[in-house]
Structure formats: C-alpha cells, structure tokens
Amino acid sequence: MEFFCYHRDRPGSLTLRYELLEEHWSYMDGYAAEMIARGPTMADDGEVPTGSVHVLDLPDAATARAFAFDEPGYQAGAYRDVLLRRWRNTLGRTMWDFPGGPDDGNRYLVLGLGEGRAVDLALPPQKDELIAYGPLLSDDAATWLGTAALVRAPDADAARAVLTAGAYADVEVHNWHFGGRST
C-alpha cells in the first residue's frame, strides 16, 4: 500500500528542525527500501524549509500512522500538522528513476484537495515532467480525496497546471527539493 505523508512545519520551529536533522535522516534511513519520494518543501526564498514530504510503500495504514507520528520532528513538536493519505503511484517508479535527475530545474509539490467526483486519475499531458503523481485516497482506497504530484516546472503556475483547473476545493503549490542526506 502506498502512502503520501506531508509534515508541515510549525511557525518558529526552524531551530528545532535543524537540531533534529540527523535524527530525522536516521529515522528515514530505516525506511529507505520503502521510499518512493522524499524531500523538503521550501519557502519562496528556496532556503528555509516549510515541511517534509515522504511517499512510501508500507504494509498497512497502522504502519503508515506509526511512520508519520513516530518521526522525531513530529514527536518534538516541529510540525503543526500532518497530512497522511493512501496514494496510488500512477507513474510506477520512484523519484530516483526520474529521468530529469535531482537538480535540473525548479521542483514543486502540487496538492489538489478534492471535492466531488474524482479527476486527474490518468497522467496529464506534461507527464515527462512528473517526478511522482497519484490520487490521494481514503484509508480503504475507496474514496478519492485529491491528487498529489511532485513536478519539474518553470514556475508555480506551470506546476499548478498539471491539475485540472476548477476541479478541486483547493490547490496548494510548494517549492520542493529532492530529499535525503547531504553528501
């Protein structure tokens, strides 16, 4: 079962987040085999983290909840909230398989929070720019709740365009970087 997890930083928690960076990475190392994608969202300046995205293939919802809520930053109060949803890996690959590599171009997290009928279940025309893409689903995967995409795009407006305009209750676009240990 695949899951999308987005820890959003609590305002004023940057120092705490940096203090916990090695603990965070060590925790994530324990899930390396399950990772589909990972990385921080960043403020507009591209320097200050605002959250942390992890997409994983885990055995069940209980394991996904344990992953999200046992994370050291969450335990220490660095995050204001967590979005945890079932997800379907429409691309069938990991971010490390993305032909564009980790550094070329601007990267974004696009979250379409759904209402009504399911949309964007098929890959959009800009599929070559997708790093990860799939629907957000209820725990039993029976109800569509939105769409999450990691995309390379020239700007936030182009990133937003991977989702059908007007089909969501809300669309969020965040600067995003490939994650993992700095080398």
N, C-alpha and C. Protein backbone atom coordinates (compact mmCIF):
# COMPACT_ATOMS: atom_id res chain seq x y z
N MET A 1 0.84 -1.17 0.00
CA MET A 1 0.00 0.00 0.00
C MET A 1 0.89 1.24 0.00
N GLU A 2 0.53 2.18 -0.83
CA GLU A 2 1.33 3.39 -0.92
C GLU A 2 0.66 4.52 -0.14
N PHE A 3 1.49 5.34 0.50
CA PHE A 3 1.00 6.43 1.33
C PHE A 3 1.77 7.71 1.03
N PHE A 4 1.03 8.82 1.10
CA PHE A 4 1.59 10.16 0.96
C PHE A 4 1.55 10.80 2.34
N CYS A 5 2.69 11.31 2.80
CA CYS A 5 2.79 11.94 4.12
C CYS A 5 3.44 13.31 3.97
N TYR A 6 2.77 14.34 4.47
CA TYR A 6 3.32 15.70 4.42
C TYR A 6 3.26 16.31 5.80
N HIS A 7 4.43 16.42 6.44
CA HIS A 7 4.57 17.11 7.73
C HIS A 7 4.78 18.59 7.42
N ARG A 8 3.89 19.45 7.93
CA ARG A 8 4.04 20.90 7.73
C ARG A 8 4.67 21.50 8.98
N ASP A 9 5.69 22.32 8.78
CA ASP A 9 6.41 22.91 9.90
C ASP A 9 5.52 23.84 10.72
N ARG A 10 5.75 23.83 12.02
CA ARG A 10 5.10 24.77 12.92
C ARG A 10 5.88 26.08 12.85
N PRO A 11 5.20 27.22 12.77
CA PRO A 11 5.92 28.50 12.76
C PRO A 11 6.87 28.60 13.95
N GLY A 12 8.06 29.08 13.70
CA GLY A 12 9.04 29.26 14.77
C GLY A 12 9.81 28.00 15.13
N SER A 13 9.67 26.93 14.36
CA SER A 13 10.32 25.67 14.72
C SER A 13 11.60 25.39 13.92
N LEU A 14 12.10 26.37 13.19
CA LEU A 14 13.25 26.13 12.32
C LEU A 14 14.48 25.66 13.11
N THR A 15 14.77 26.30 14.22
CA THR A 15 15.93 25.89 15.02
C THR A 15 15.77 24.47 15.49
N LEU A 16 14.60 24.11 15.99
CA LEU A 16 14.34 22.73 16.43
C LEU A 16 14.50 21.76 15.26
N ARG A 17 13.98 22.13 14.11
CA ARG A 17 14.09 21.26 12.94
C ARG A 17 15.56 20.97 12.62
N TYR A 18 16.39 22.02 12.62
CA TYR A 18 17.81 21.82 12.33
C TYR A 18 18.50 21.00 13.41
N GLU A 19 18.11 21.19 14.66
CA GLU A 19 18.68 20.38 15.75
C GLU A 19 18.37 18.90 15.57
N LEU A 20 17.23 18.60 14.97
CA LEU A 20 16.78 17.21 14.81
C LEU A 20 17.12 16.61 13.45
N LEU A 21 17.87 17.32 12.64
CA LEU A 21 18.10 16.88 11.27
C LEU A 21 18.74 15.49 11.20
N GLU A 22 19.78 15.25 11.97
CA GLU A 22 20.42 13.93 11.93
C GLU A 22 19.46 12.84 12.43
N GLU A 23 18.68 13.13 13.48
CA GLU A 23 17.69 12.15 13.95
C GLU A 23 16.65 11.87 12.87
N HIS A 24 16.22 12.92 12.18
CA HIS A 24 15.24 12.77 11.09
C HIS A 24 15.82 11.87 10.00
N TRP A 25 17.03 12.17 9.54
CA TRP A 25 17.64 11.38 8.47
C TRP A 25 17.85 9.93 8.91
N SER A 26 18.30 9.73 10.14
CA SER A 26 18.50 8.37 10.64
C SER A 26 17.17 7.61 10.67
N TYR A 27 16.13 8.28 11.10
CA TYR A 27 14.79 7.67 11.10
C TYR A 27 14.39 7.28 9.68
N MET A 28 14.58 8.18 8.74
CA MET A 28 14.23 7.92 7.34
C MET A 28 15.08 6.81 6.74
N ASP A 29 16.34 6.70 7.17
CA ASP A 29 17.20 5.62 6.69
C ASP A 29 16.56 4.26 6.95
N GLY A 30 15.81 4.16 8.04
CA GLY A 30 15.13 2.91 8.36
C GLY A 30 14.01 2.57 7.40
N TYR A 31 13.60 3.53 6.58
CA TYR A 31 12.53 3.32 5.60
C TYR A 31 13.04 3.44 4.16
N ALA A 32 14.34 3.41 3.96
CA ALA A 32 14.92 3.64 2.63
C ALA A 32 14.34 2.70 1.57
N ALA A 33 14.15 1.44 1.91
CA ALA A 33 13.64 0.47 0.92
C ALA A 33 12.19 0.74 0.55
N GLU A 34 11.45 1.43 1.41
CA GLU A 34 10.03 1.70 1.17
C GLU A 34 9.78 3.05 0.49
N MET A 35 10.80 3.88 0.37
CA MET A 35 10.63 5.24 -0.14
C MET A 35 10.37 5.26 -1.64
N ILE A 36 9.35 6.02 -2.01
CA ILE A 36 9.06 6.32 -3.41
C ILE A 36 9.56 7.73 -3.73
N ALA A 37 9.40 8.63 -2.79
CA ALA A 37 9.87 10.00 -2.94
C ALA A 37 10.01 10.63 -1.55
N ARG A 38 10.86 11.63 -1.46
CA ARG A 38 11.05 12.34 -0.20
C ARG A 38 11.70 13.67 -0.47
N GLY A 39 11.49 14.60 0.45
CA GLY A 39 12.17 15.88 0.35
C GLY A 39 11.42 17.01 1.01
N PRO A 40 12.13 18.09 1.30
CA PRO A 40 11.52 19.23 1.99
C PRO A 40 10.78 20.16 1.03
N THR A 41 9.71 20.76 1.54
CA THR A 41 9.14 21.92 0.87
C THR A 41 9.87 23.13 1.43
N MET A 42 9.95 24.18 0.61
CA MET A 42 10.75 25.33 0.97
C MET A 42 9.96 26.62 0.80
N ALA A 43 10.33 27.63 1.58
CA ALA A 43 9.76 28.97 1.42
C ALA A 43 10.15 29.51 0.05
N ASP A 44 9.55 30.61 -0.33
CA ASP A 44 9.82 31.21 -1.64
C ASP A 44 11.29 31.55 -1.85
N ASP A 45 12.04 31.77 -0.75
CA ASP A 45 13.46 32.08 -0.90
C ASP A 45 14.29 30.85 -1.27
N GLY A 46 13.67 29.65 -1.19
CA GLY A 46 14.36 28.41 -1.53
C GLY A 46 15.35 27.95 -0.49
N GLU A 47 15.42 28.65 0.64
CA GLU A 47 16.41 28.34 1.68
C GLU A 47 15.80 27.79 2.97
N VAL A 48 14.61 28.26 3.31
CA VAL A 48 14.01 27.90 4.59
C VAL A 48 12.98 26.80 4.40
N PRO A 49 13.17 25.65 5.07
CA PRO A 49 12.20 24.57 4.94
C PRO A 49 10.85 24.93 5.58
N THR A 50 9.78 24.43 4.96
CA THR A 50 8.42 24.66 5.47
C THR A 50 7.67 23.37 5.75
N GLY A 51 8.26 22.25 5.36
CA GLY A 51 7.61 20.97 5.56
C GLY A 51 8.47 19.85 5.01
N SER A 52 7.93 18.64 5.12
CA SER A 52 8.69 17.46 4.72
C SER A 52 7.74 16.45 4.09
N VAL A 53 8.02 16.06 2.84
CA VAL A 53 7.18 15.13 2.08
C VAL A 53 7.85 13.76 2.06
N HIS A 54 7.04 12.73 2.30
CA HIS A 54 7.50 11.34 2.17
C HIS A 54 6.40 10.52 1.53
N VAL A 55 6.75 9.81 0.49
CA VAL A 55 5.83 8.90 -0.19
C VAL A 55 6.45 7.51 -0.05
N LEU A 56 5.68 6.60 0.52
CA LEU A 56 6.23 5.28 0.85
C LEU A 56 5.28 4.16 0.48
N ASP A 57 5.84 2.99 0.31
CA ASP A 57 5.08 1.76 0.12
C ASP A 57 5.21 0.98 1.43
N LEU A 58 4.11 0.92 2.19
CA LEU A 58 4.11 0.30 3.52
C LEU A 58 3.04 -0.78 3.58
N PRO A 59 3.14 -1.70 4.55
CA PRO A 59 2.21 -2.83 4.59
C PRO A 59 0.75 -2.47 4.87
N ASP A 60 0.52 -1.41 5.67
CA ASP A 60 -0.86 -1.10 6.05
C ASP A 60 -0.95 0.30 6.65
N ALA A 61 -2.18 0.72 6.93
CA ALA A 61 -2.41 2.07 7.45
C ALA A 61 -1.81 2.25 8.85
N ALA A 62 -1.82 1.21 9.66
CA ALA A 62 -1.24 1.32 11.00
C ALA A 62 0.26 1.61 10.93
N THR A 63 0.94 0.96 10.01
CA THR A 63 2.38 1.21 9.82
C THR A 63 2.61 2.62 9.31
N ALA A 64 1.75 3.09 8.43
CA ALA A 64 1.87 4.46 7.91
C ALA A 64 1.67 5.48 9.02
N ARG A 65 0.68 5.25 9.90
CA ARG A 65 0.47 6.17 11.02
C ARG A 65 1.67 6.16 11.97
N ALA A 66 2.20 4.98 12.22
CA ALA A 66 3.39 4.90 13.08
C ALA A 66 4.55 5.67 12.44
N PHE A 67 4.76 5.49 11.13
CA PHE A 67 5.81 6.24 10.43
C PHE A 67 5.61 7.74 10.64
N ALA A 68 4.42 8.24 10.39
CA ALA A 68 4.15 9.68 10.45
C ALA A 68 4.29 10.25 11.85
N PHE A 69 3.79 9.54 12.84
CA PHE A 69 3.69 10.12 14.18
C PHE A 69 4.83 9.74 15.11
N ASP A 70 5.67 8.78 14.72
CA ASP A 70 6.87 8.46 15.49
C ASP A 70 8.09 9.24 14.99
N GLU A 71 7.95 9.94 13.90
CA GLU A 71 9.05 10.72 13.31
C GLU A 71 9.57 11.71 14.36
N PRO A 72 10.89 11.82 14.53
CA PRO A 72 11.45 12.65 15.60
C PRO A 72 10.98 14.10 15.60
N GLY A 73 10.86 14.73 14.45
CA GLY A 73 10.38 16.11 14.40
C GLY A 73 8.96 16.23 14.89
N TYR A 74 8.12 15.27 14.52
CA TYR A 74 6.73 15.29 14.99
C TYR A 74 6.70 15.11 16.51
N GLN A 75 7.46 14.16 17.01
CA GLN A 75 7.49 13.89 18.45
C GLN A 75 7.98 15.10 19.24
N ALA A 76 8.89 15.88 18.67
CA ALA A 76 9.45 17.04 19.37
C ALA A 76 8.64 18.32 19.18
N GLY A 77 7.60 18.28 18.33
CA GLY A 77 6.76 19.45 18.14
C GLY A 77 7.18 20.38 17.01
N ALA A 78 8.01 19.91 16.09
CA ALA A 78 8.46 20.76 14.99
C ALA A 78 7.37 20.99 13.94
N TYR A 79 6.38 20.11 13.89
CA TYR A 79 5.36 20.21 12.85
C TYR A 79 4.03 20.68 13.42
N ARG A 80 3.31 21.49 12.64
CA ARG A 80 1.99 21.96 13.08
C ARG A 80 0.91 20.94 12.75
N ASP A 81 1.10 20.18 11.64
CA ASP A 81 0.11 19.16 11.28
C ASP A 81 0.72 18.17 10.30
N VAL A 82 -0.01 17.10 10.07
CA VAL A 82 0.43 16.04 9.17
C VAL A 82 -0.74 15.66 8.27
N LEU A 83 -0.47 15.64 6.97
CA LEU A 83 -1.42 15.11 6.00
C LEU A 83 -0.94 13.71 5.66
N LEU A 84 -1.73 12.70 5.98
CA LEU A 84 -1.39 11.31 5.71
C LEU A 84 -2.55 10.68 4.98
N ARG A 85 -2.30 10.22 3.76
CA ARG A 85 -3.35 9.62 2.92
C ARG A 85 -2.80 8.44 2.14
N ARG A 86 -3.68 7.48 1.88
CA ARG A 86 -3.34 6.46 0.89
C ARG A 86 -3.08 7.19 -0.40
N TRP A 87 -2.29 6.58 -1.25
CA TRP A 87 -1.87 7.19 -2.50
C TRP A 87 -1.64 6.08 -3.51
N ARG A 88 -1.79 6.37 -4.76
CA ARG A 88 -1.52 5.37 -5.80
C ARG A 88 -0.43 5.91 -6.71
N ASN A 89 0.63 5.15 -6.85
CA ASN A 89 1.80 5.53 -7.65
C ASN A 89 1.49 5.34 -9.13
N THR A 90 0.86 6.33 -9.73
CA THR A 90 0.42 6.25 -11.12
C THR A 90 1.61 6.09 -12.07
N LEU A 91 2.76 6.64 -11.72
CA LEU A 91 3.95 6.52 -12.57
C LEU A 91 4.63 5.16 -12.44
N GLY A 92 4.43 4.50 -11.30
CA GLY A 92 5.04 3.19 -11.10
C GLY A 92 6.56 3.23 -10.93
N ARG A 93 7.09 4.35 -10.44
CA ARG A 93 8.54 4.46 -10.23
C ARG A 93 8.81 5.30 -9.00
N THR A 94 10.09 5.40 -8.64
CA THR A 94 10.50 6.27 -7.55
C THR A 94 11.05 7.57 -8.11
N MET A 95 11.28 8.53 -7.24
CA MET A 95 11.84 9.81 -7.69
C MET A 95 13.25 9.62 -8.23
N TRP A 96 13.97 8.60 -7.75
CA TRP A 96 15.33 8.35 -8.21
C TRP A 96 15.36 7.83 -9.65
N ASP A 97 14.20 7.39 -10.15
CA ASP A 97 14.08 6.94 -11.53
C ASP A 97 13.68 8.08 -12.47
N PHE A 98 13.41 9.26 -11.93
CA PHE A 98 13.01 10.40 -12.76
C PHE A 98 14.14 10.76 -13.71
N PRO A 99 13.89 10.75 -15.02
CA PRO A 99 14.96 11.00 -15.98
C PRO A 99 15.60 12.38 -15.86
N GLY A 100 14.92 13.34 -15.26
CA GLY A 100 15.47 14.69 -15.12
C GLY A 100 16.47 14.83 -14.00
N GLY A 101 16.67 13.79 -13.20
CA GLY A 101 17.63 13.86 -12.11
C GLY A 101 17.18 14.77 -10.98
N PRO A 102 18.00 14.89 -9.94
CA PRO A 102 17.59 15.62 -8.75
C PRO A 102 17.77 17.13 -8.78
N ASP A 103 18.52 17.66 -9.75
CA ASP A 103 18.91 19.06 -9.66
C ASP A 103 18.44 19.96 -10.81
N ASP A 104 18.07 19.40 -11.92
CA ASP A 104 17.78 20.19 -13.11
C ASP A 104 16.39 20.81 -13.05
N GLY A 105 16.31 22.14 -12.95
CA GLY A 105 15.03 22.84 -12.99
C GLY A 105 14.39 23.05 -11.63
N ASN A 106 13.28 23.78 -11.63
CA ASN A 106 12.51 24.04 -10.42
C ASN A 106 11.60 22.86 -10.12
N ARG A 107 11.44 22.55 -8.86
CA ARG A 107 10.62 21.42 -8.43
C ARG A 107 9.52 21.91 -7.51
N TYR A 108 8.35 21.28 -7.61
CA TYR A 108 7.20 21.69 -6.82
C TYR A 108 6.42 20.49 -6.32
N LEU A 109 5.82 20.67 -5.15
CA LEU A 109 4.76 19.79 -4.66
C LEU A 109 3.45 20.46 -5.01
N VAL A 110 2.57 19.75 -5.70
CA VAL A 110 1.24 20.26 -6.04
C VAL A 110 0.23 19.36 -5.35
N LEU A 111 -0.58 19.94 -4.48
CA LEU A 111 -1.63 19.21 -3.76
C LEU A 111 -2.99 19.73 -4.21
N GLY A 112 -3.76 18.89 -4.83
CA GLY A 112 -5.14 19.23 -5.17
C GLY A 112 -6.05 18.55 -4.17
N LEU A 113 -6.72 19.33 -3.35
CA LEU A 113 -7.61 18.80 -2.32
C LEU A 113 -9.00 18.69 -2.93
N GLY A 114 -9.48 17.47 -3.01
CA GLY A 114 -10.66 17.18 -3.80
C GLY A 114 -11.98 17.44 -3.12
N GLU A 115 -12.97 17.55 -3.98
CA GLU A 115 -14.37 17.57 -3.57
C GLU A 115 -15.16 17.05 -4.77
N GLY A 116 -16.16 16.27 -4.51
CA GLY A 116 -16.97 15.77 -5.61
C GLY A 116 -16.33 14.60 -6.33
N ARG A 117 -16.53 14.57 -7.63
CA ARG A 117 -16.09 13.42 -8.42
C ARG A 117 -14.57 13.41 -8.59
N ALA A 118 -14.03 12.22 -8.76
CA ALA A 118 -12.59 12.05 -8.95
C ALA A 118 -12.17 12.61 -10.31
N VAL A 119 -11.04 13.31 -10.31
CA VAL A 119 -10.46 13.84 -11.54
C VAL A 119 -8.96 13.54 -11.55
N ASP A 120 -8.37 13.72 -12.69
CA ASP A 120 -6.92 13.59 -12.85
C ASP A 120 -6.39 12.22 -12.44
N LEU A 121 -7.16 11.17 -12.71
CA LEU A 121 -6.71 9.82 -12.41
C LEU A 121 -5.69 9.32 -13.44
N ALA A 122 -5.79 9.82 -14.66
CA ALA A 122 -4.82 9.48 -15.70
C ALA A 122 -3.69 10.50 -15.69
N LEU A 123 -2.57 10.14 -16.26
CA LEU A 123 -1.44 11.05 -16.31
C LEU A 123 -1.75 12.26 -17.19
N PRO A 124 -1.33 13.45 -16.77
CA PRO A 124 -1.55 14.65 -17.58
C PRO A 124 -0.60 14.68 -18.77
N PRO A 125 -0.86 15.56 -19.74
CA PRO A 125 0.00 15.66 -20.92
C PRO A 125 1.47 15.96 -20.59
N GLN A 126 1.72 16.67 -19.48
CA GLN A 126 3.09 17.03 -19.09
C GLN A 126 3.78 15.90 -18.33
N LYS A 127 3.44 14.65 -18.62
CA LYS A 127 3.91 13.52 -17.82
C LYS A 127 5.43 13.39 -17.76
N ASP A 128 6.15 13.87 -18.77
CA ASP A 128 7.60 13.78 -18.74
C ASP A 128 8.22 14.64 -17.65
N GLU A 129 7.46 15.59 -17.13
CA GLU A 129 7.96 16.47 -16.08
C GLU A 129 7.53 16.01 -14.69
N LEU A 130 6.82 14.90 -14.61
CA LEU A 130 6.35 14.39 -13.33
C LEU A 130 7.42 13.54 -12.64
N ILE A 131 7.64 13.83 -11.39
CA ILE A 131 8.58 13.08 -10.57
C ILE A 131 7.82 12.00 -9.80
N ALA A 132 6.66 12.36 -9.29
CA ALA A 132 5.73 11.44 -8.63
C ALA A 132 4.33 11.99 -8.86
N TYR A 133 3.35 11.09 -8.99
CA TYR A 133 1.99 11.54 -9.31
C TYR A 133 1.00 10.46 -8.91
N GLY A 134 -0.11 10.88 -8.29
CA GLY A 134 -1.15 9.92 -7.99
C GLY A 134 -2.27 10.50 -7.16
N PRO A 135 -3.37 9.76 -7.09
CA PRO A 135 -4.51 10.21 -6.31
C PRO A 135 -4.30 10.03 -4.81
N LEU A 136 -4.84 10.95 -4.03
CA LEU A 136 -4.95 10.82 -2.58
C LEU A 136 -6.26 10.09 -2.31
N LEU A 137 -6.21 9.10 -1.44
CA LEU A 137 -7.37 8.22 -1.23
C LEU A 137 -7.67 8.05 0.25
N SER A 138 -8.89 7.62 0.54
CA SER A 138 -9.27 7.26 1.90
C SER A 138 -8.47 6.04 2.34
N ASP A 139 -8.50 5.72 3.64
CA ASP A 139 -7.73 4.59 4.16
C ASP A 139 -8.05 3.28 3.44
N ASP A 140 -9.31 3.10 3.05
CA ASP A 140 -9.69 1.86 2.36
C ASP A 140 -9.53 1.97 0.84
N ALA A 141 -9.01 3.09 0.38
CA ALA A 141 -8.75 3.37 -1.05
C ALA A 141 -10.03 3.42 -1.89
N ALA A 142 -11.18 3.52 -1.24
CA ALA A 142 -12.45 3.53 -1.98
C ALA A 142 -12.89 4.94 -2.38
N THR A 143 -12.39 5.96 -1.68
CA THR A 143 -12.85 7.33 -1.93
C THR A 143 -11.68 8.21 -2.35
N TRP A 144 -11.86 8.90 -3.47
CA TRP A 144 -10.87 9.85 -3.95
C TRP A 144 -10.95 11.12 -3.13
N LEU A 145 -9.79 11.61 -2.65
CA LEU A 145 -9.74 12.80 -1.82
C LEU A 145 -8.93 13.93 -2.45
N GLY A 146 -8.28 13.64 -3.56
CA GLY A 146 -7.47 14.66 -4.21
C GLY A 146 -6.35 14.04 -5.01
N THR A 147 -5.36 14.86 -5.32
CA THR A 147 -4.21 14.42 -6.12
C THR A 147 -2.95 15.07 -5.55
N ALA A 148 -1.86 14.31 -5.52
CA ALA A 148 -0.56 14.84 -5.11
C ALA A 148 0.43 14.58 -6.23
N ALA A 149 1.21 15.61 -6.55
CA ALA A 149 2.21 15.49 -7.61
C ALA A 149 3.49 16.20 -7.19
N LEU A 150 4.60 15.61 -7.55
CA LEU A 150 5.89 16.27 -7.50
C LEU A 150 6.27 16.48 -8.95
N VAL A 151 6.58 17.71 -9.31
CA VAL A 151 6.72 18.05 -10.72
C VAL A 151 7.87 19.03 -10.93
N ARG A 152 8.54 18.88 -12.07
CA ARG A 152 9.52 19.89 -12.51
C ARG A 152 8.77 20.84 -13.43
N ALA A 153 8.90 22.13 -13.16
CA ALA A 153 8.18 23.13 -13.96
C ALA A 153 8.95 24.45 -13.91
N PRO A 154 8.73 25.30 -14.91
CA PRO A 154 9.44 26.59 -14.91
C PRO A 154 9.02 27.51 -13.77
N ASP A 155 7.76 27.39 -13.32
CA ASP A 155 7.28 28.24 -12.23
C ASP A 155 6.06 27.58 -11.57
N ALA A 156 5.58 28.20 -10.50
CA ALA A 156 4.47 27.63 -9.74
C ALA A 156 3.19 27.54 -10.56
N ASP A 157 2.93 28.51 -11.43
CA ASP A 157 1.72 28.45 -12.26
C ASP A 157 1.76 27.27 -13.21
N ALA A 158 2.91 27.00 -13.81
CA ALA A 158 3.05 25.85 -14.70
C ALA A 158 2.91 24.55 -13.91
N ALA A 159 3.42 24.52 -12.68
CA ALA A 159 3.27 23.33 -11.84
C ALA A 159 1.79 23.09 -11.53
N ARG A 160 1.08 24.14 -11.17
CA ARG A 160 -0.35 24.04 -10.85
C ARG A 160 -1.14 23.49 -12.05
N ALA A 161 -0.68 23.79 -13.24
CA ALA A 161 -1.39 23.39 -14.46
C ALA A 161 -1.40 21.88 -14.70
N VAL A 162 -0.65 21.10 -13.91
CA VAL A 162 -0.73 19.64 -14.09
C VAL A 162 -2.08 19.11 -13.60
N LEU A 163 -2.78 19.90 -12.79
CA LEU A 163 -4.11 19.51 -12.30
C LEU A 163 -5.19 20.27 -13.07
N THR A 164 -6.33 19.66 -13.19
CA THR A 164 -7.45 20.27 -13.90
C THR A 164 -7.94 21.50 -13.16
N ALA A 165 -7.90 22.64 -13.81
CA ALA A 165 -8.33 23.91 -13.21
C ALA A 165 -9.80 23.84 -12.82
N GLY A 166 -10.12 24.33 -11.64
CA GLY A 166 -11.50 24.41 -11.18
C GLY A 166 -12.10 23.11 -10.68
N ALA A 167 -11.32 22.03 -10.66
CA ALA A 167 -11.86 20.72 -10.28
C ALA A 167 -11.61 20.37 -8.81
N TYR A 168 -10.94 21.27 -8.07
CA TYR A 168 -10.56 20.99 -6.68
C TYR A 168 -11.11 22.06 -5.74
N ALA A 169 -11.32 21.67 -4.48
CA ALA A 169 -11.72 22.64 -3.47
C ALA A 169 -10.58 23.63 -3.22
N ASP A 170 -9.34 23.13 -3.31
CA ASP A 170 -8.18 23.98 -3.11
C ASP A 170 -6.98 23.31 -3.78
N VAL A 171 -6.06 24.12 -4.27
CA VAL A 171 -4.81 23.62 -4.82
C VAL A 171 -3.68 24.38 -4.14
N GLU A 172 -2.73 23.64 -3.60
CA GLU A 172 -1.54 24.22 -2.98
C GLU A 172 -0.34 23.90 -3.85
N VAL A 173 0.54 24.86 -3.99
CA VAL A 173 1.80 24.65 -4.71
C VAL A 173 2.93 25.09 -3.79
N HIS A 174 3.87 24.19 -3.56
CA HIS A 174 5.00 24.45 -2.66
C HIS A 174 6.31 24.18 -3.40
N ASN A 175 7.32 25.03 -3.19
CA ASN A 175 8.65 24.71 -3.67
C ASN A 175 9.09 23.41 -3.00
N TRP A 176 9.72 22.53 -3.75
CA TRP A 176 10.13 21.22 -3.22
C TRP A 176 11.50 20.86 -3.74
N HIS A 177 12.27 20.14 -2.92
CA HIS A 177 13.61 19.68 -3.31
C HIS A 177 13.69 18.18 -3.11
N PHE A 178 14.49 17.50 -3.93
CA PHE A 178 14.81 16.10 -3.68
C PHE A 178 15.40 16.01 -2.28
N GLY A 179 15.00 15.02 -1.52
CA GLY A 179 15.47 14.90 -0.15
C GLY A 179 16.48 13.80 0.04
N GLY A 180 16.93 13.70 1.27
CA GLY A 180 17.93 12.72 1.67
C GLY A 180 19.13 13.40 2.26
N ARG A 181 20.03 12.60 2.70
CA ARG A 181 21.25 13.12 3.34
C ARG A 181 22.05 13.97 2.36
N SER A 182 22.59 15.05 2.87
CA SER A 182 23.51 15.85 2.07
C SER A 182 24.81 15.07 1.95
N THR A 183 25.39 15.12 0.78
CA THR A 183 26.65 14.38 0.59
C THR A 183 27.83 15.30 0.50
